[in-house]
PDB file of all heavy atoms in Angstrom:
ATOM      1  N   GLY A   1       6.355  48.801 230.005  1.00  0.00           N
ATOM      2  CA  GLY A   1       6.027  49.035 228.599  1.00  0.00           C
ATOM      3  C   GLY A   1       5.248  50.321 228.399  1.00  0.00           C
ATOM      4  O   GLY A   1       5.568  51.133 227.521  1.00  0.00           O
ATOM      5  N   ILE A   2       4.210  50.491 229.217  1.00  0.00           N
ATOM      6  CA  ILE A   2       3.393  51.709 229.092  1.00  0.00           C
ATOM      7  C   ILE A   2       4.211  52.956 229.448  1.00  0.00           C
ATOM      8  O   ILE A   2       4.113  54.006 228.795  1.00  0.00           O
ATOM      9  CB  ILE A   2       2.148  51.598 229.991  1.00  0.00           C
ATOM     10  CG1 ILE A   2       1.226  50.482 229.479  1.00  0.00           C
ATOM     11  CG2 ILE A   2       1.394  52.922 230.042  1.00  0.00           C
ATOM     12  CD1 ILE A   2       0.049  50.179 230.388  1.00  0.00           C
ATOM     13  N   GLY A   3       5.047  52.823 230.489  1.00  0.00           N
ATOM     14  CA  GLY A   3       5.898  53.951 230.874  1.00  0.00           C
ATOM     15  C   GLY A   3       6.846  54.337 229.757  1.00  0.00           C
ATOM     16  O   GLY A   3       7.094  55.534 229.512  1.00  0.00           O
ATOM     17  N   SER A   4       7.375  53.295 229.056  1.00  0.00           N
ATOM     18  CA  SER A   4       8.292  53.571 227.939  1.00  0.00           C
ATOM     19  C   SER A   4       7.579  54.303 226.813  1.00  0.00           C
ATOM     20  O   SER A   4       8.114  55.248 226.213  1.00  0.00           O
ATOM     21  CB  SER A   4       8.894  52.256 227.427  1.00  0.00           C
ATOM     22  OG  SER A   4       9.643  51.617 228.444  1.00  0.00           O
ATOM     23  N   LEU A   5       6.354  53.866 226.507  1.00  0.00           N
ATOM     24  CA  LEU A   5       5.587  54.530 225.448  1.00  0.00           C
ATOM     25  C   LEU A   5       5.289  55.979 225.811  1.00  0.00           C
ATOM     26  O   LEU A   5       5.393  56.889 224.971  1.00  0.00           O
ATOM     27  CB  LEU A   5       4.284  53.766 225.190  1.00  0.00           C
ATOM     28  CG  LEU A   5       4.422  52.395 224.527  1.00  0.00           C
ATOM     29  CD1 LEU A   5       3.065  51.707 224.459  1.00  0.00           C
ATOM     30  CD2 LEU A   5       5.010  52.542 223.116  1.00  0.00           C
ATOM     31  N   ILE A   6       4.898  56.197 227.047  1.00  0.00           N
ATOM     32  CA  ILE A   6       4.610  57.573 227.480  1.00  0.00           C
ATOM     33  C   ILE A   6       5.871  58.438 227.394  1.00  0.00           C
ATOM     34  O   ILE A   6       5.840  59.597 226.933  1.00  0.00           O
ATOM     35  CB  ILE A   6       4.055  57.564 228.916  1.00  0.00           C
ATOM     36  CG1 ILE A   6       2.678  56.881 228.952  1.00  0.00           C
ATOM     37  CG2 ILE A   6       3.960  58.990 229.464  1.00  0.00           C
ATOM     38  CD1 ILE A   6       2.117  56.693 230.349  1.00  0.00           C
ATOM     39  N   PHE A   7       6.993  57.853 227.854  1.00  0.00           N
ATOM     40  CA  PHE A   7       8.254  58.598 227.803  1.00  0.00           C
ATOM     41  C   PHE A   7       8.640  58.937 226.372  1.00  0.00           C
ATOM     42  O   PHE A   7       9.068  60.055 226.064  1.00  0.00           O
ATOM     43  CB  PHE A   7       9.343  57.780 228.491  1.00  0.00           C
ATOM     44  CG  PHE A   7      10.688  58.414 228.426  1.00  0.00           C
ATOM     45  CD1 PHE A   7      10.978  59.570 229.176  1.00  0.00           C
ATOM     46  CD2 PHE A   7      11.687  57.901 227.610  1.00  0.00           C
ATOM     47  CE1 PHE A   7      12.229  60.163 229.110  1.00  0.00           C
ATOM     48  CE2 PHE A   7      12.930  58.500 227.542  1.00  0.00           C
ATOM     49  CZ  PHE A   7      13.209  59.627 228.297  1.00  0.00           C
ATOM     50  N   MET A   8       8.490  57.921 225.473  1.00  0.00           N
ATOM     51  CA  MET A   8       8.828  58.161 224.064  1.00  0.00           C
ATOM     52  C   MET A   8       7.911  59.237 223.462  1.00  0.00           C
ATOM     53  O   MET A   8       8.355  60.146 222.744  1.00  0.00           O
ATOM     54  CB  MET A   8       8.689  56.841 223.277  1.00  0.00           C
ATOM     55  CG  MET A   8       9.768  55.813 223.604  1.00  0.00           C
ATOM     56  SD  MET A   8       9.406  54.176 222.943  1.00  0.00           S
ATOM     57  CE  MET A   8       9.192  54.541 221.222  1.00  0.00           C
ATOM     58  N   GLY A   9       6.609  59.146 223.758  1.00  0.00           N
ATOM     59  CA  GLY A   9       5.681  60.147 223.226  1.00  0.00           C
ATOM     60  C   GLY A   9       5.979  61.531 223.766  1.00  0.00           C
ATOM     61  O   GLY A   9       5.945  62.542 223.017  1.00  0.00           O
ATOM     62  N   PHE A  10       6.262  61.617 225.052  1.00  0.00           N
ATOM     63  CA  PHE A  10       6.561  62.913 225.666  1.00  0.00           C
ATOM     64  C   PHE A  10       7.825  63.515 225.066  1.00  0.00           C
ATOM     65  O   PHE A  10       7.902  64.713 224.767  1.00  0.00           O
ATOM     66  CB  PHE A  10       6.716  62.736 227.183  1.00  0.00           C
ATOM     67  CG  PHE A  10       7.094  63.995 227.888  1.00  0.00           C
ATOM     68  CD1 PHE A  10       6.157  65.007 228.121  1.00  0.00           C
ATOM     69  CD2 PHE A  10       8.408  64.200 228.325  1.00  0.00           C
ATOM     70  CE1 PHE A  10       6.525  66.171 228.773  1.00  0.00           C
ATOM     71  CE2 PHE A  10       8.765  65.370 228.960  1.00  0.00           C
ATOM     72  CZ  PHE A  10       7.821  66.360 229.194  1.00  0.00           C
ATOM     73  N   THR A  11       8.843  62.669 224.861  1.00  0.00           N
ATOM     74  CA  THR A  11      10.117  63.157 224.298  1.00  0.00           C
ATOM     75  C   THR A  11       9.925  63.675 222.879  1.00  0.00           C
ATOM     76  O   THR A  11      10.445  64.746 222.501  1.00  0.00           O
ATOM     77  CB  THR A  11      11.148  62.032 224.322  1.00  0.00           C
ATOM     78  OG1 THR A  11      11.316  61.567 225.672  1.00  0.00           O
ATOM     79  CG2 THR A  11      12.495  62.514 223.786  1.00  0.00           C
ATOM     80  N   LEU A  12       9.154  62.880 222.054  1.00  0.00           N
ATOM     81  CA  LEU A  12       8.911  63.327 220.686  1.00  0.00           C
ATOM     82  C   LEU A  12       8.139  64.652 220.663  1.00  0.00           C
ATOM     83  O   LEU A  12       8.415  65.555 219.865  1.00  0.00           O
ATOM     84  CB  LEU A  12       8.119  62.236 219.926  1.00  0.00           C
ATOM     85  CG  LEU A  12       8.905  60.974 219.559  1.00  0.00           C
ATOM     86  CD1 LEU A  12       7.967  59.921 218.994  1.00  0.00           C
ATOM     87  CD2 LEU A  12       9.995  61.310 218.536  1.00  0.00           C
ATOM     88  N   TYR A  13       7.160  64.737 221.554  1.00  0.00           N
ATOM     89  CA  TYR A  13       6.355  65.961 221.593  1.00  0.00           C
ATOM     90  C   TYR A  13       7.208  67.151 221.997  1.00  0.00           C
ATOM     91  O   TYR A  13       7.125  68.248 221.387  1.00  0.00           O
ATOM     92  CB  TYR A  13       5.197  65.784 222.572  1.00  0.00           C
ATOM     93  CG  TYR A  13       4.371  67.046 222.751  1.00  0.00           C
ATOM     94  CD1 TYR A  13       3.462  67.436 221.753  1.00  0.00           C
ATOM     95  CD2 TYR A  13       4.522  67.826 223.889  1.00  0.00           C
ATOM     96  CE1 TYR A  13       2.714  68.592 221.932  1.00  0.00           C
ATOM     97  CE2 TYR A  13       3.775  68.986 224.049  1.00  0.00           C
ATOM     98  CZ  TYR A  13       2.867  69.367 223.074  1.00  0.00           C
ATOM     99  OH  TYR A  13       2.123  70.521 223.223  1.00  0.00           O
ATOM    100  N   GLU A  14       8.055  67.033 222.998  1.00  0.00           N
ATOM    101  CA  GLU A  14       8.908  68.136 223.451  1.00  0.00           C
ATOM    102  C   GLU A  14       9.899  68.538 222.367  1.00  0.00           C
ATOM    103  O   GLU A  14      10.168  69.731 222.137  1.00  0.00           O
ATOM    104  CB  GLU A  14       9.645  67.732 224.734  1.00  0.00           C
ATOM    105  CG  GLU A  14       8.759  67.646 225.963  1.00  0.00           C
ATOM    106  CD  GLU A  14       8.158  68.992 226.330  1.00  0.00           C
ATOM    107  OE1 GLU A  14       8.847  70.019 226.167  1.00  0.00           O
ATOM    108  OE2 GLU A  14       6.981  69.023 226.751  1.00  0.00           O
ATOM    109  N   ASN A  15      10.474  67.531 221.680  1.00  0.00           N
ATOM    110  CA  ASN A  15      11.406  67.844 220.590  1.00  0.00           C
ATOM    111  C   ASN A  15      10.710  68.616 219.475  1.00  0.00           C
ATOM    112  O   ASN A  15      11.267  69.553 218.883  1.00  0.00           O
ATOM    113  CB  ASN A  15      12.020  66.560 220.038  1.00  0.00           C
ATOM    114  CG  ASN A  15      13.110  66.012 220.946  1.00  0.00           C
ATOM    115  OD1 ASN A  15      13.745  66.775 221.688  1.00  0.00           O
ATOM    116  ND2 ASN A  15      13.336  64.705 220.902  1.00  0.00           N
ATOM    117  N   TYR A  16       9.496  68.138 219.171  1.00  0.00           N
ATOM    118  CA  TYR A  16       8.751  68.805 218.091  1.00  0.00           C
ATOM    119  C   TYR A  16       8.435  70.261 218.459  1.00  0.00           C
ATOM    120  O   TYR A  16       8.643  71.186 217.664  1.00  0.00           O
ATOM    121  CB  TYR A  16       7.460  68.033 217.813  1.00  0.00           C
ATOM    122  CG  TYR A  16       6.551  68.730 216.838  1.00  0.00           C
ATOM    123  CD1 TYR A  16       6.838  68.726 215.454  1.00  0.00           C
ATOM    124  CD2 TYR A  16       5.429  69.425 217.278  1.00  0.00           C
ATOM    125  CE1 TYR A  16       6.011  69.383 214.568  1.00  0.00           C
ATOM    126  CE2 TYR A  16       4.596  70.077 216.397  1.00  0.00           C
ATOM    127  CZ  TYR A  16       4.885  70.050 215.039  1.00  0.00           C
ATOM    128  OH  TYR A  16       4.071  70.705 214.146  1.00  0.00           O
ATOM    129  N   MET A  17       7.972  70.478 219.659  1.00  0.00           N
ATOM    130  CA  MET A  17       7.624  71.820 220.097  1.00  0.00           C
ATOM    131  C   MET A  17       8.860  72.721 220.165  1.00  0.00           C
ATOM    132  O   MET A  17       8.817  73.919 219.816  1.00  0.00           O
ATOM    133  CB  MET A  17       6.926  71.787 221.474  1.00  0.00           C
ATOM    134  CG  MET A  17       5.582  71.087 221.462  1.00  0.00           C
ATOM    135  SD  MET A  17       4.402  71.814 220.304  1.00  0.00           S
ATOM    136  CE  MET A  17       4.185  73.441 221.048  1.00  0.00           C
ATOM    137  N   TYR A  18       9.950  72.136 220.584  1.00  0.00           N
ATOM    138  CA  TYR A  18      11.181  72.916 220.650  1.00  0.00           C
ATOM    139  C   TYR A  18      11.647  73.308 219.257  1.00  0.00           C
ATOM    140  O   TYR A  18      12.101  74.428 219.012  1.00  0.00           O
ATOM    141  CB  TYR A  18      12.250  72.105 221.384  1.00  0.00           C
ATOM    142  CG  TYR A  18      13.554  72.829 221.545  1.00  0.00           C
ATOM    143  CD1 TYR A  18      13.697  73.858 222.489  1.00  0.00           C
ATOM    144  CD2 TYR A  18      14.647  72.505 220.747  1.00  0.00           C
ATOM    145  CE1 TYR A  18      14.896  74.537 222.614  1.00  0.00           C
ATOM    146  CE2 TYR A  18      15.853  73.171 220.881  1.00  0.00           C
ATOM    147  CZ  TYR A  18      15.977  74.179 221.827  1.00  0.00           C
ATOM    148  OH  TYR A  18      17.166  74.841 221.955  1.00  0.00           O
ATOM    149  N   ALA A  19      11.530  72.367 218.322  1.00  0.00           N
ATOM    150  CA  ALA A  19      11.982  72.629 216.953  1.00  0.00           C
ATOM    151  C   ALA A  19      11.125  73.685 216.275  1.00  0.00           C
ATOM    152  O   ALA A  19      11.597  74.476 215.450  1.00  0.00           O
ATOM    153  CB  ALA A  19      11.971  71.333 216.147  1.00  0.00           C
ATOM    154  N   VAL A  20       9.822  73.714 216.586  1.00  0.00           N
ATOM    155  CA  VAL A  20       8.911  74.686 215.973  1.00  0.00           C
ATOM    156  C   VAL A  20       9.327  76.105 216.327  1.00  0.00           C
ATOM    157  O   VAL A  20       9.249  77.028 215.504  1.00  0.00           O
ATOM    158  CB  VAL A  20       7.463  74.401 216.405  1.00  0.00           C
ATOM    159  CG1 VAL A  20       6.538  75.566 216.014  1.00  0.00           C
ATOM    160  CG2 VAL A  20       6.977  73.102 215.775  1.00  0.00           C
ATOM    161  N   HIS A  21       9.760  76.312 217.567  1.00  0.00           N
ATOM    162  CA  HIS A  21      10.107  77.653 218.023  1.00  0.00           C
ATOM    163  C   HIS A  21      11.510  78.092 217.593  1.00  0.00           C
ATOM    164  O   HIS A  21      11.912  79.232 217.852  1.00  0.00           O
ATOM    165  CB  HIS A  21      10.005  77.737 219.548  1.00  0.00           C
ATOM    166  CG  HIS A  21       8.586  77.615 220.044  1.00  0.00           C
ATOM    167  ND1 HIS A  21       7.972  76.403 220.288  1.00  0.00           N
ATOM    168  CD2 HIS A  21       7.653  78.583 220.298  1.00  0.00           C
ATOM    169  CE1 HIS A  21       6.741  76.624 220.704  1.00  0.00           C
ATOM    170  NE2 HIS A  21       6.507  77.958 220.710  1.00  0.00           N
ATOM    171  N   LEU A  22      12.250  77.235 216.955  1.00  0.00           N
ATOM    172  CA  LEU A  22      13.581  77.602 216.456  1.00  0.00           C
ATOM    173  C   LEU A  22      13.462  78.266 215.078  1.00  0.00           C
ATOM    174  O   LEU A  22      12.527  77.990 214.336  1.00  0.00           O
ATOM    175  CB  LEU A  22      14.475  76.368 216.366  1.00  0.00           C
ATOM    176  CG  LEU A  22      14.906  75.731 217.699  1.00  0.00           C
ATOM    177  CD1 LEU A  22      15.675  74.437 217.432  1.00  0.00           C
ATOM    178  CD2 LEU A  22      15.760  76.701 218.524  1.00  0.00           C
ATOM    179  N   GLY A  23      14.384  78.992 214.768  1.00  0.00           N
ATOM    180  CA  GLY A  23      14.409  79.581 213.435  1.00  0.00           C
ATOM    181  C   GLY A  23      14.786  78.532 212.414  1.00  0.00           C
ATOM    182  O   GLY A  23      15.307  77.467 212.730  1.00  0.00           O
ATOM    183  N   SER A  24      14.534  78.855 211.134  1.00  0.00           N
ATOM    184  CA  SER A  24      14.800  77.885 210.064  1.00  0.00           C
ATOM    185  C   SER A  24      16.283  77.572 209.958  1.00  0.00           C
ATOM    186  O   SER A  24      16.665  76.477 209.565  1.00  0.00           O
ATOM    187  CB  SER A  24      14.282  78.444 208.727  1.00  0.00           C
ATOM    188  OG  SER A  24      14.903  79.689 208.431  1.00  0.00           O
ATOM    189  N   ASP A  25      17.130  78.547 210.312  1.00  0.00           N
ATOM    190  CA  ASP A  25      18.562  78.284 210.207  1.00  0.00           C
ATOM    191  C   ASP A  25      19.067  77.360 211.312  1.00  0.00           C
ATOM    192  O   ASP A  25      20.112  76.741 211.187  1.00  0.00           O
ATOM    193  CB  ASP A  25      19.325  79.628 210.242  1.00  0.00           C
ATOM    194  CG  ASP A  25      18.980  80.432 211.501  1.00  0.00           C
ATOM    195  OD1 ASP A  25      17.889  80.168 212.069  1.00  0.00           O
ATOM    196  OD2 ASP A  25      19.783  81.275 211.911  1.00  0.00           O
ATOM    197  N   LYS A  26      18.354  77.264 212.403  1.00  0.00           N
ATOM    198  CA  LYS A  26      18.796  76.406 213.507  1.00  0.00           C
ATOM    199  C   LYS A  26      18.093  75.050 213.546  1.00  0.00           C
ATOM    200  O   LYS A  26      18.500  74.151 214.269  1.00  0.00           O
ATOM    201  CB  LYS A  26      18.561  77.121 214.844  1.00  0.00           C
ATOM    202  CG  LYS A  26      19.426  78.372 215.021  1.00  0.00           C
ATOM    203  CD  LYS A  26      19.187  78.980 216.375  1.00  0.00           C
ATOM    204  CE  LYS A  26      20.084  80.210 216.573  1.00  0.00           C
ATOM    205  NZ  LYS A  26      19.878  80.834 217.899  1.00  0.00           N
ATOM    206  N   GLN A  27      16.999  74.916 212.750  1.00  0.00           N
ATOM    207  CA  GLN A  27      16.261  73.655 212.778  1.00  0.00           C
ATOM    208  C   GLN A  27      17.080  72.502 212.182  1.00  0.00           C
ATOM    209  O   GLN A  27      16.967  71.362 212.608  1.00  0.00           O
ATOM    210  CB  GLN A  27      14.937  73.815 212.013  1.00  0.00           C
ATOM    211  CG  GLN A  27      13.917  74.634 212.798  1.00  0.00           C
ATOM    212  CD  GLN A  27      12.596  74.777 212.049  1.00  0.00           C
ATOM    213  OE1 GLN A  27      12.512  74.393 210.873  1.00  0.00           O
ATOM    214  NE2 GLN A  27      11.606  75.354 212.708  1.00  0.00           N
ATOM    215  N   GLY A  28      17.921  72.829 211.191  1.00  0.00           N
ATOM    216  CA  GLY A  28      18.756  71.781 210.600  1.00  0.00           C
ATOM    217  C   GLY A  28      19.735  71.233 211.627  1.00  0.00           C
ATOM    218  O   GLY A  28      19.976  70.029 211.698  1.00  0.00           O
ATOM    219  N   ILE A  29      20.324  72.183 212.381  1.00  0.00           N
ATOM    220  CA  ILE A  29      21.276  71.744 213.414  1.00  0.00           C
ATOM    221  C   ILE A  29      20.568  70.869 214.462  1.00  0.00           C
ATOM    222  O   ILE A  29      21.060  69.856 214.897  1.00  0.00           O
ATOM    223  CB  ILE A  29      21.943  72.969 214.073  1.00  0.00           C
ATOM    224  CG1 ILE A  29      22.726  73.762 213.034  1.00  0.00           C
ATOM    225  CG2 ILE A  29      22.842  72.540 215.222  1.00  0.00           C
ATOM    226  CD1 ILE A  29      23.274  75.097 213.554  1.00  0.00           C
ATOM    227  N   PHE A  30      19.363  71.325 214.805  1.00  0.00           N
ATOM    228  CA  PHE A  30      18.605  70.549 215.811  1.00  0.00           C
ATOM    229  C   PHE A  30      18.238  69.154 215.269  1.00  0.00           C
ATOM    230  O   PHE A  30      18.224  68.163 215.996  1.00  0.00           O
ATOM    231  CB  PHE A  30      17.346  71.328 216.191  1.00  0.00           C
ATOM    232  CG  PHE A  30      16.496  70.598 217.194  1.00  0.00           C
ATOM    233  CD1 PHE A  30      16.868  70.565 218.529  1.00  0.00           C
ATOM    234  CD2 PHE A  30      15.347  69.922 216.786  1.00  0.00           C
ATOM    235  CE1 PHE A  30      16.092  69.891 219.443  1.00  0.00           C
ATOM    236  CE2 PHE A  30      14.579  69.251 217.717  1.00  0.00           C
ATOM    237  CZ  PHE A  30      14.941  69.234 219.053  1.00  0.00           C
ATOM    238  N   GLY A  31      17.955  69.107 213.939  1.00  0.00           N
ATOM    239  CA  GLY A  31      17.631  67.809 213.328  1.00  0.00           C
ATOM    240  C   GLY A  31      18.791  66.842 213.441  1.00  0.00           C
ATOM    241  O   GLY A  31      18.599  65.633 213.633  1.00  0.00           O
TER     242      GLY A  31
END
């Protein structure tokens, strides 16, 4: 359970950071 939560949090954080560095025209595609 704890491993799943950590994995989910890590994945959300990486996605968020990746999306921030994308341009506005590519963020929709990433969404």
